Amino acid sequence: MAQARGVRKKGKRRSSTIRRLAAWLGALAFLGLAGFGLWLWSYAVTPMSVRDGGDIHVLIPPKTSLAGIEKILAENGVIPPGRGFYCLARLSRLSQRLQAGEYLFSPGQTPYQILRALAAGATVRWSVTIPEGSNIYQLAEILAAGGWGERELFLDLARDPDILARHGVRAASLEGYLFPDTYQLVRGQNPREIIDLMVERGKRVREELGDLRNNPLGLSPHEVLTLASIVEKETAAPEERPLIAQVFLNRLRQRMRLQTDPTVIYGLTGFDGNLTRKDLDTPTPYNTYQINGLPPGPIANPGRAAIVAVLHPASASYLYFVSKNDGTHYFSHDLAEHNRAVLKYQKSASNR
């Protein structure tokens, strides 16, 4: 009996020791978690300190991991080195929502604010203007110069059969369908997204204008864009667009060739800026001195006003126009009047 009581006392002492040890371990764990939580909270709300006191641009490439994002931010001095940002992102459950792109971080921002900006995709957006009348080659050069991809890449995308089919464009390229406007783009944006953005903007504008088939000659929507692109290239004077459109519609109605220089230039390879008689005599699908009717497609991307001019041209019987060398044109009803105007304005230009 005495031996049994001794065993029970030893068991009680061992159990009591285990409970005290567990309590100590629990307390240590609690203190550790509390200390970690306090450190993480302090890290999250402490404003960053930028070395030179200025803003910092940071580019996060697509598909960058959380660890990769943390490394990029630390290397650029946005956050202090270490695993604080990684832990903060995981514990806040924002790690799967961080987005690629270019960001601008300012002194005074905290790691948590930076994390929230990445999760919200608050990227820097750059205004890129595509002027009215720009063709796909000029558009590709504008985008390439801004760092949104190689020129040839955009030209390939503008001719990609899958992209053409997806947008319902039955043509050899997206020429005429990439709406000229000011776009807000982000660094690293997929070139296909940019192409889609421009095509969709054009669709919305055309929807606002109504059915493009409702025009004086019953042209197809593709032919309306083709003629609008010619109008766009022929004049920079807004008030002349309806008159220019009417001249070409009158010529089409009378089965006269359009005889417009911009279409000839578009069809030439390696045009040097000097249109010659040989160029006018060179047969191409776009040489409206040689072909009847409209060329096979637009020669540029027309803006809203040029499209409206084709849909609602001026009421006039002009068949000819010639540059007055001041940005405007002289319009004529017949060839004799036109020849006199050419002699007047071209002679005065050559004497300058």
Protein backbone atom coordinates (compact mmCIF):
# COMPACT_ATOMS: atom_id res chain seq x y z
CA MET A 1 0.00 0.00 0.00
CA ALA A 2 2.80 2.42 0.87
CA GLN A 3 4.50 1.63 -2.41
CA ALA A 4 1.30 2.36 -4.35
CA ARG A 5 0.85 5.69 -2.57
CA GLY A 6 4.46 6.61 -3.50
CA VAL A 7 3.82 5.82 -7.15
CA ARG A 8 0.69 7.99 -7.15
CA LYS A 9 2.62 10.92 -5.59
CA LYS A 10 5.34 10.63 -8.21
CA GLY A 11 2.66 10.53 -10.95
CA LYS A 12 1.02 13.67 -9.57
CA ARG A 13 4.36 15.50 -9.41
CA ARG A 14 5.14 14.46 -13.04
CA SER A 15 1.68 15.59 -14.24
CA SER A 16 2.04 18.88 -12.41
CA THR A 17 5.47 19.42 -14.00
CA ILE A 18 4.07 18.72 -17.46
CA ARG A 19 1.23 21.19 -16.88
CA ARG A 20 3.66 23.87 -15.72
CA LEU A 21 5.90 23.21 -18.72
CA ALA A 22 2.93 23.40 -21.10
CA ALA A 23 1.86 26.65 -19.50
CA TRP A 24 5.34 28.09 -19.89
CA LEU A 25 5.52 26.97 -23.50
CA GLY A 26 2.07 28.42 -24.17
CA ALA A 27 3.12 31.68 -22.59
CA LEU A 28 6.31 31.75 -24.64
CA ALA A 29 4.36 31.00 -27.81
CA PHE A 30 1.87 33.73 -26.99
CA LEU A 31 4.66 36.19 -26.33
CA GLY A 32 6.34 35.12 -29.55
CA LEU A 33 3.18 35.57 -31.57
CA ALA A 34 2.46 38.86 -29.83
CA GLY A 35 6.00 40.03 -30.53
CA PHE A 36 5.77 38.94 -34.18
CA GLY A 37 2.39 40.63 -34.51
CA LEU A 38 3.72 43.82 -32.95
CA TRP A 39 6.75 43.76 -35.24
CA LEU A 40 4.62 43.11 -38.35
CA TRP A 41 2.19 45.85 -37.39
CA SER A 42 5.06 48.28 -36.86
CA TYR A 43 6.55 47.23 -40.20
CA ALA A 44 3.21 47.63 -42.00
CA VAL A 45 2.51 51.19 -40.79
CA THR A 46 6.03 52.65 -40.85
CA PRO A 47 6.41 55.03 -43.85
CA MET A 48 9.14 54.15 -46.28
CA SER A 49 12.21 56.31 -46.43
CA VAL A 50 13.33 57.13 -49.97
CA ARG A 51 17.05 57.75 -50.33
CA ASP A 52 16.85 60.83 -52.54
CA GLY A 53 13.45 61.96 -51.28
CA GLY A 54 11.82 61.57 -54.70
CA ASP A 55 9.17 59.33 -56.21
CA ILE A 56 10.17 55.88 -57.44
CA HIS A 57 8.93 54.17 -60.61
CA VAL A 58 8.83 50.40 -60.32
CA LEU A 59 7.91 47.92 -63.06
CA ILE A 60 6.47 44.57 -61.98
CA PRO A 61 6.65 42.14 -64.93
CA PRO A 62 3.69 39.83 -65.60
CA LYS A 63 3.63 36.53 -63.68
CA THR A 64 6.16 37.72 -61.07
CA SER A 65 5.92 35.69 -57.85
CA LEU A 66 5.34 37.25 -54.42
CA ALA A 67 8.99 36.66 -53.54
CA GLY A 68 9.99 38.27 -56.85
CA ILE A 69 7.80 41.31 -56.20
CA GLU A 70 9.32 41.70 -52.73
CA LYS A 71 12.81 41.52 -54.24
CA ILE A 72 12.02 44.16 -56.88
CA LEU A 73 10.55 46.53 -54.30
CA ALA A 74 13.52 46.09 -51.97
CA GLU A 75 16.09 46.55 -54.75
CA ASN A 76 14.41 49.81 -55.74
CA GLY A 77 14.38 51.08 -52.17
CA VAL A 78 10.60 51.02 -51.88
CA ILE A 79 10.59 48.67 -48.86
CA PRO A 80 13.38 47.61 -46.48
CA PRO A 81 15.05 44.28 -47.24
CA GLY A 82 13.79 41.21 -45.42
CA ARG A 83 10.69 39.04 -45.33
CA GLY A 84 8.33 41.57 -43.82
CA PHE A 85 6.47 42.33 -47.04
CA TYR A 86 6.13 38.63 -47.85
CA CYS A 87 4.62 37.89 -44.44
CA LEU A 88 2.33 40.92 -44.61
CA ALA A 89 1.01 39.92 -48.02
CA ARG A 90 0.35 36.32 -46.99
CA LEU A 91 -1.29 37.10 -43.65
CA SER A 92 -3.47 39.84 -45.18
CA ARG A 93 -4.56 37.38 -47.88
CA LEU A 94 -3.60 39.81 -50.64
CA SER A 95 -0.73 37.77 -52.05
CA GLN A 96 -2.84 36.31 -54.89
CA ARG A 97 -4.24 39.68 -55.93
CA LEU A 98 -1.00 41.55 -56.67
CA GLN A 99 -0.94 42.85 -60.25
CA ALA A 100 1.82 43.49 -62.76
CA GLY A 101 2.51 46.90 -64.26
CA GLU A 102 4.32 50.17 -63.61
CA TYR A 103 3.80 51.80 -60.22
CA LEU A 104 4.78 55.16 -58.77
CA PHE A 105 5.56 55.15 -55.05
CA SER A 106 6.07 58.30 -53.02
CA PRO A 107 7.88 59.03 -49.74
CA GLY A 108 5.55 58.57 -46.80
CA GLN A 109 3.78 55.51 -48.11
CA THR A 110 3.75 52.53 -45.79
CA PRO A 111 4.35 48.90 -46.80
CA TYR A 112 0.66 48.20 -46.25
CA GLN A 113 -0.33 51.08 -48.53
CA ILE A 114 2.11 49.79 -51.12
CA LEU A 115 0.62 46.31 -50.79
CA ARG A 116 -2.89 47.68 -51.25
CA ALA A 117 -1.81 49.64 -54.33
CA LEU A 118 -0.39 46.48 -55.90
CA ALA A 119 -3.55 44.54 -55.05
CA ALA A 120 -5.76 47.27 -56.56
CA GLY A 121 -3.63 47.48 -59.72
CA ALA A 122 -3.11 51.22 -59.19
CA THR A 123 -0.61 51.39 -62.03
CA VAL A 124 0.78 54.49 -63.71
CA ARG A 125 -1.18 55.27 -66.86
CA TRP A 126 0.41 57.10 -69.77
CA SER A 127 -1.52 59.21 -72.26
CA VAL A 128 -0.74 58.08 -75.80
CA THR A 129 -2.32 60.03 -78.64
CA ILE A 130 -2.90 58.47 -82.05
CA PRO A 131 -3.57 61.40 -84.43
CA GLU A 132 -6.46 61.27 -86.85
CA GLY A 133 -5.32 60.00 -90.22
CA SER A 134 -2.44 57.91 -88.86
CA ASN A 135 -1.99 54.67 -90.76
CA ILE A 136 -0.97 51.37 -89.19
CA TYR A 137 2.71 52.02 -89.92
CA GLN A 138 2.67 55.39 -88.15
CA LEU A 139 0.63 53.94 -85.30
CA ALA A 140 3.14 51.12 -84.86
CA GLU A 141 5.99 53.64 -84.73
CA ILE A 142 4.20 55.74 -82.08
CA LEU A 143 3.62 52.72 -79.85
CA ALA A 144 7.13 51.36 -80.38
CA ALA A 145 8.67 54.74 -79.54
CA GLY A 146 6.67 54.77 -76.31
CA GLY A 147 7.99 51.37 -75.28
CA TRP A 148 4.85 49.31 -75.89
CA GLY A 149 6.43 46.73 -78.19
CA GLU A 150 8.34 46.37 -81.41
CA ARG A 151 7.02 48.09 -84.54
CA GLU A 152 6.89 44.85 -86.49
CA LEU A 153 4.93 43.15 -83.71
CA PHE A 154 2.10 45.66 -84.01
CA LEU A 155 2.10 45.38 -87.80
CA ASP A 156 1.87 41.60 -87.50
CA LEU A 157 -1.01 41.90 -85.02
CA ALA A 158 -2.80 44.36 -87.33
CA ARG A 159 -2.69 41.67 -90.04
CA ASP A 160 -3.30 38.64 -87.83
CA PRO A 161 -6.15 36.56 -89.36
CA ASP A 162 -7.37 35.42 -85.93
CA ILE A 163 -7.63 38.99 -84.65
CA LEU A 164 -9.33 40.13 -87.85
CA ALA A 165 -11.86 37.30 -87.59
CA ARG A 166 -12.48 37.90 -83.90
CA HIS A 167 -13.39 41.53 -84.61
CA GLY A 168 -15.39 40.69 -87.72
CA VAL A 169 -13.08 42.63 -90.05
CA ARG A 170 -13.12 41.18 -93.56
CA ALA A 171 -9.98 42.82 -94.88
CA ALA A 172 -6.24 42.24 -95.13
CA SER A 173 -5.50 44.36 -92.06
CA LEU A 174 -7.05 46.50 -89.33
CA GLU A 175 -6.23 49.65 -91.28
CA GLY A 176 -9.15 52.02 -90.74
CA TYR A 177 -10.43 50.12 -87.70
CA LEU A 178 -7.87 51.32 -85.11
CA PHE A 179 -9.61 54.42 -83.87
CA PRO A 180 -7.40 57.53 -83.50
CA ASP A 181 -7.78 58.86 -79.98
CA THR A 182 -5.91 59.45 -76.72
CA TYR A 183 -5.49 56.21 -74.78
CA GLN A 184 -4.40 55.59 -71.20
CA LEU A 185 -1.86 52.77 -71.38
CA VAL A 186 0.26 51.05 -68.76
CA ARG A 187 3.84 49.83 -69.06
CA GLY A 188 4.07 46.16 -69.85
CA GLN A 189 0.55 46.10 -71.30
CA ASN A 190 0.02 43.28 -73.76
CA PRO A 191 0.17 44.64 -77.35
CA ARG A 192 -2.88 42.52 -78.21
CA GLU A 193 -4.82 44.34 -75.48
CA ILE A 194 -3.83 47.68 -76.98
CA ILE A 195 -4.95 46.59 -80.45
CA ASP A 196 -8.26 45.32 -79.02
CA LEU A 197 -8.74 48.57 -77.10
CA MET A 198 -8.42 50.65 -80.28
CA VAL A 199 -10.68 48.40 -82.33
CA GLU A 200 -13.36 48.39 -79.63
CA ARG A 201 -13.18 52.19 -79.35
CA GLY A 202 -13.83 52.40 -83.08
CA LYS A 203 -16.82 50.06 -82.78
CA ARG A 204 -18.36 52.22 -80.07
CA VAL A 205 -17.91 55.40 -82.11
CA ARG A 206 -19.51 53.83 -85.19
CA GLU A 207 -22.42 52.57 -83.08
CA GLU A 208 -22.96 56.11 -81.84
CA LEU A 209 -23.08 57.34 -85.45
CA GLY A 210 -25.76 54.84 -86.40
CA ASP A 211 -25.89 52.44 -89.31
CA LEU A 212 -23.02 53.30 -91.65
CA ARG A 213 -24.98 51.86 -94.56
CA ASN A 214 -27.26 54.89 -94.37
CA ASN A 215 -25.15 57.07 -96.67
CA PRO A 216 -25.81 58.87 -99.96
CA LEU A 217 -24.49 56.06 -102.19
CA GLY A 218 -25.40 53.05 -100.08
CA LEU A 219 -21.74 52.21 -99.49
CA SER A 220 -20.89 49.30 -97.22
CA PRO A 221 -19.47 50.14 -93.74
CA HIS A 222 -16.01 49.08 -95.00
CA GLU A 223 -16.35 51.41 -98.00
CA VAL A 224 -17.49 54.24 -95.72
CA LEU A 225 -14.31 53.83 -93.66
CA THR A 226 -12.26 53.66 -96.85
CA LEU A 227 -13.69 56.91 -98.18
CA ALA A 228 -13.46 58.55 -94.74
CA SER A 229 -9.76 57.69 -94.62
CA ILE A 230 -9.25 59.43 -97.98
CA VAL A 231 -11.15 62.49 -96.77
CA GLU A 232 -9.00 62.50 -93.64
CA LYS A 233 -5.77 62.50 -95.64
CA GLU A 234 -6.91 65.10 -98.18
CA THR A 235 -7.52 67.99 -95.79
CA ALA A 236 -6.57 69.19 -92.35
CA ALA A 237 -9.29 71.88 -92.41
CA PRO A 238 -12.30 70.56 -90.45
CA GLU A 239 -14.78 72.73 -92.36
CA GLU A 240 -13.66 71.21 -95.68
CA ARG A 241 -14.29 67.57 -94.83
CA PRO A 242 -17.98 67.54 -95.92
CA LEU A 243 -17.01 69.27 -99.20
CA ILE A 244 -14.15 66.85 -99.89
CA ALA A 245 -16.48 63.93 -99.16
CA GLN A 246 -19.09 65.31 -101.54
CA VAL A 247 -16.53 65.69 -104.35
CA PHE A 248 -15.57 62.03 -104.10
CA LEU A 249 -19.19 60.91 -103.79
CA ASN A 250 -20.05 62.97 -106.89
CA ARG A 251 -17.18 61.37 -108.80
CA LEU A 252 -18.22 57.87 -107.71
CA ARG A 253 -21.79 58.63 -108.73
CA GLN A 254 -20.62 59.70 -112.19
CA ARG A 255 -18.18 56.74 -112.42
CA MET A 256 -15.20 59.08 -112.56
CA ARG A 257 -11.89 57.92 -111.13
CA LEU A 258 -11.09 59.46 -107.77
CA GLN A 259 -7.55 60.47 -108.78
CA THR A 260 -6.39 61.21 -105.24
CA ASP A 261 -2.68 61.32 -104.39
CA PRO A 262 -2.86 59.88 -100.84
CA THR A 263 -4.16 56.55 -102.14
CA VAL A 264 -1.31 56.35 -104.64
CA ILE A 265 1.24 57.05 -101.91
CA TYR A 266 -0.26 54.37 -99.67
CA GLY A 267 0.20 51.76 -102.38
CA LEU A 268 3.86 52.61 -103.01
CA THR A 269 6.81 50.82 -101.41
CA GLY A 270 9.56 53.08 -100.10
CA PHE A 271 7.88 56.40 -100.93
CA ASP A 272 10.46 59.18 -100.50
CA GLY A 273 8.05 62.08 -100.13
CA ASN A 274 8.16 63.17 -103.77
CA LEU A 275 5.21 61.95 -105.85
CA THR A 276 6.24 61.62 -109.49
CA ARG A 277 4.49 61.02 -112.81
CA LYS A 278 5.97 57.53 -112.76
CA ASP A 279 4.28 56.90 -109.41
CA LEU A 280 0.93 58.01 -110.83
CA ASP A 281 1.40 55.63 -113.76
CA THR A 282 2.42 52.69 -111.55
CA PRO A 283 -0.50 50.26 -111.25
CA THR A 284 -1.32 49.21 -107.67
CA PRO A 285 -4.62 48.29 -106.01
CA TYR A 286 -4.54 51.75 -104.39
CA ASN A 287 -3.71 53.86 -107.45
CA THR A 288 -6.99 55.68 -107.98
CA TYR A 289 -5.57 57.25 -111.15
CA GLN A 290 -5.54 53.74 -112.61
CA ILE A 291 -8.46 51.93 -110.93
CA ASN A 292 -12.17 52.66 -110.93
CA GLY A 293 -14.01 53.28 -107.70
CA LEU A 294 -12.60 52.97 -104.22
CA PRO A 295 -9.35 51.19 -103.30
CA PRO A 296 -9.68 47.81 -101.51
CA GLY A 297 -9.57 49.33 -98.04
CA PRO A 298 -8.78 52.37 -95.89
CA ILE A 299 -5.45 54.12 -96.30
CA ALA A 300 -5.45 55.44 -92.71
CA ASN A 301 -7.50 55.43 -89.54
CA PRO A 302 -10.18 58.12 -89.87
CA GLY A 303 -11.57 60.06 -86.94
CA ARG A 304 -15.21 60.68 -86.10
CA ALA A 305 -15.51 63.91 -88.13
CA ALA A 306 -14.25 62.29 -91.34
CA ILE A 307 -16.75 59.43 -90.99
CA VAL A 308 -19.55 61.92 -90.33
CA ALA A 309 -18.52 63.86 -93.45
CA VAL A 310 -19.06 60.77 -95.61
CA LEU A 311 -22.40 60.02 -93.96
CA HIS A 312 -23.54 63.66 -94.16
CA PRO A 313 -21.62 65.40 -96.95
CA ALA A 314 -22.10 68.99 -98.08
CA SER A 315 -24.73 69.74 -100.69
CA ALA A 316 -22.59 70.71 -103.67
CA SER A 317 -21.91 69.68 -107.26
CA TYR A 318 -18.12 70.07 -107.18
CA LEU A 319 -16.04 67.46 -108.99
CA TYR A 320 -12.52 68.85 -108.49
CA PHE A 321 -10.37 70.60 -105.91
CA VAL A 322 -6.81 71.88 -105.77
CA SER A 323 -4.65 72.98 -102.86
CA LYS A 324 -4.38 76.71 -102.28
CA ASN A 325 -1.12 76.06 -100.40
CA ASP A 326 -2.50 77.46 -97.17
CA GLY A 327 -4.10 74.29 -95.83
CA THR A 328 -7.35 74.82 -97.73
CA HIS A 329 -8.58 74.00 -101.25
CA TYR A 330 -10.26 75.65 -104.20
CA PHE A 331 -13.27 73.66 -105.43
CA SER A 332 -14.40 73.52 -109.06
CA HIS A 333 -17.51 72.30 -110.87
CA ASP A 334 -15.83 71.37 -114.16
CA LEU A 335 -12.44 70.57 -115.65
CA ALA A 336 -11.93 73.96 -117.30
CA GLU A 337 -12.44 75.79 -114.02
CA HIS A 338 -10.20 73.27 -112.29
CA ASN A 339 -7.39 73.76 -114.80
CA ARG A 340 -7.51 77.52 -114.29
CA ALA A 341 -7.31 77.00 -110.53
CA VAL A 342 -4.39 74.61 -110.90
CA LEU A 343 -2.55 77.12 -113.07
CA LYS A 344 -3.21 79.89 -110.57
CA TYR A 345 -2.31 78.12 -107.37
CA GLN A 346 0.42 75.82 -108.61
CA LYS A 347 2.14 78.63 -110.51
CA SER A 348 2.01 80.93 -107.49
CA ALA A 349 3.44 78.13 -105.36
CA SER A 350 6.31 77.48 -107.79
CA ASN A 351 7.20 81.19 -107.86
CA ARG A 352 7.67 81.36 -104.08
